[in-house]
Amino acid sequence: MTSAAACWVCLAIAFLPGLARLSAEITEVPILGSVPHPLIFAALIWSAFGTAFLALVVLWPFLEARVTG
């Protein structure tokens, strides 16, 4: 793991206790309903979506070039 990736992992771990404390006050998420630790769940879903979207945006020109070329 590179030092930048390790930094992001450490940053994510640093915010988990705060999200867990704030999640205790929230009982439901509007779209998903009742889930345990909703802020942590939302953060994980949002980061996965962002990663997938970024990968799609970065890789799209290469995939399109491979299909047409």
Protein backbone atom coordinates (compact mmCIF):
# COMPACT_ATOMS: atom_id res chain seq x y z
CA MET A 1 0.00 0.00 0.00
CA THR A 2 1.37 3.40 -0.93
CA SER A 3 1.78 6.12 1.66
CA ALA A 4 -1.11 8.11 0.15
CA ALA A 5 -3.44 5.11 0.39
CA ALA A 6 -2.30 4.46 3.96
CA CYS A 7 -3.04 8.09 4.79
CA TRP A 8 -6.61 7.76 3.45
CA VAL A 9 -7.13 4.54 5.39
CA CYS A 10 -5.92 6.17 8.60
CA LEU A 11 -8.16 9.17 7.97
CA ALA A 12 -11.17 6.89 7.45
CA ILE A 13 -10.39 4.99 10.64
CA ALA A 14 -10.03 8.25 12.55
CA PHE A 15 -13.57 9.35 11.66
CA LEU A 16 -15.31 6.03 12.39
CA PRO A 17 -15.72 6.61 16.16
CA GLY A 18 -17.26 10.02 15.53
CA LEU A 19 -19.64 8.60 12.95
CA ALA A 20 -20.56 5.80 15.35
CA ARG A 21 -21.40 8.31 18.11
CA LEU A 22 -23.47 10.44 15.77
CA SER A 23 -25.21 7.36 14.37
CA ALA A 24 -26.59 6.54 17.81
CA GLU A 25 -28.91 9.56 17.53
CA ILE A 26 -30.20 8.65 14.05
CA THR A 27 -32.63 5.77 13.80
CA GLU A 28 -33.71 5.79 10.15
CA VAL A 29 -32.33 6.74 6.76
CA PRO A 30 -34.95 8.23 4.39
CA ILE A 31 -34.43 5.85 1.46
CA LEU A 32 -33.09 2.76 3.25
CA GLY A 33 -35.23 2.80 6.38
CA SER A 34 -33.89 1.47 9.65
CA VAL A 35 -30.28 0.27 9.43
CA PRO A 36 -27.71 -0.19 12.20
CA HIS A 37 -25.14 2.63 12.35
CA PRO A 38 -26.70 4.58 9.45
CA LEU A 39 -23.94 7.19 9.10
CA ILE A 40 -21.22 4.56 8.80
CA PHE A 41 -23.37 2.62 6.33
CA ALA A 42 -24.02 5.78 4.30
CA ALA A 43 -20.33 6.71 4.31
CA LEU A 44 -19.34 3.26 3.05
CA ILE A 45 -22.01 3.29 0.33
CA TRP A 46 -21.09 6.83 -0.73
CA SER A 47 -17.37 6.03 -0.89
CA ALA A 48 -18.03 2.88 -2.92
CA PHE A 49 -20.23 4.87 -5.31
CA GLY A 50 -17.59 7.59 -5.63
CA THR A 51 -14.85 5.07 -6.29
CA ALA A 52 -16.90 3.27 -8.93
CA PHE A 53 -17.89 6.55 -10.58
CA LEU A 54 -14.30 7.77 -10.64
CA ALA A 55 -13.13 4.47 -12.11
CA LEU A 56 -15.80 4.71 -14.79
CA VAL A 57 -14.87 8.29 -15.67
CA VAL A 58 -11.15 7.53 -15.77
CA LEU A 59 -11.47 4.24 -17.66
CA TRP A 60 -14.24 5.25 -20.08
CA PRO A 61 -11.92 6.77 -22.75
CA PHE A 62 -9.70 3.67 -22.67
CA LEU A 63 -12.67 1.32 -22.97
CA GLU A 64 -14.16 3.36 -25.80
CA ALA A 65 -10.83 3.42 -27.65
CA ARG A 66 -10.51 -0.34 -27.28
CA VAL A 67 -14.00 -0.93 -28.75
CA THR A 68 -13.70 1.49 -31.67
CA GLY A 69 -10.01 1.05 -32.40
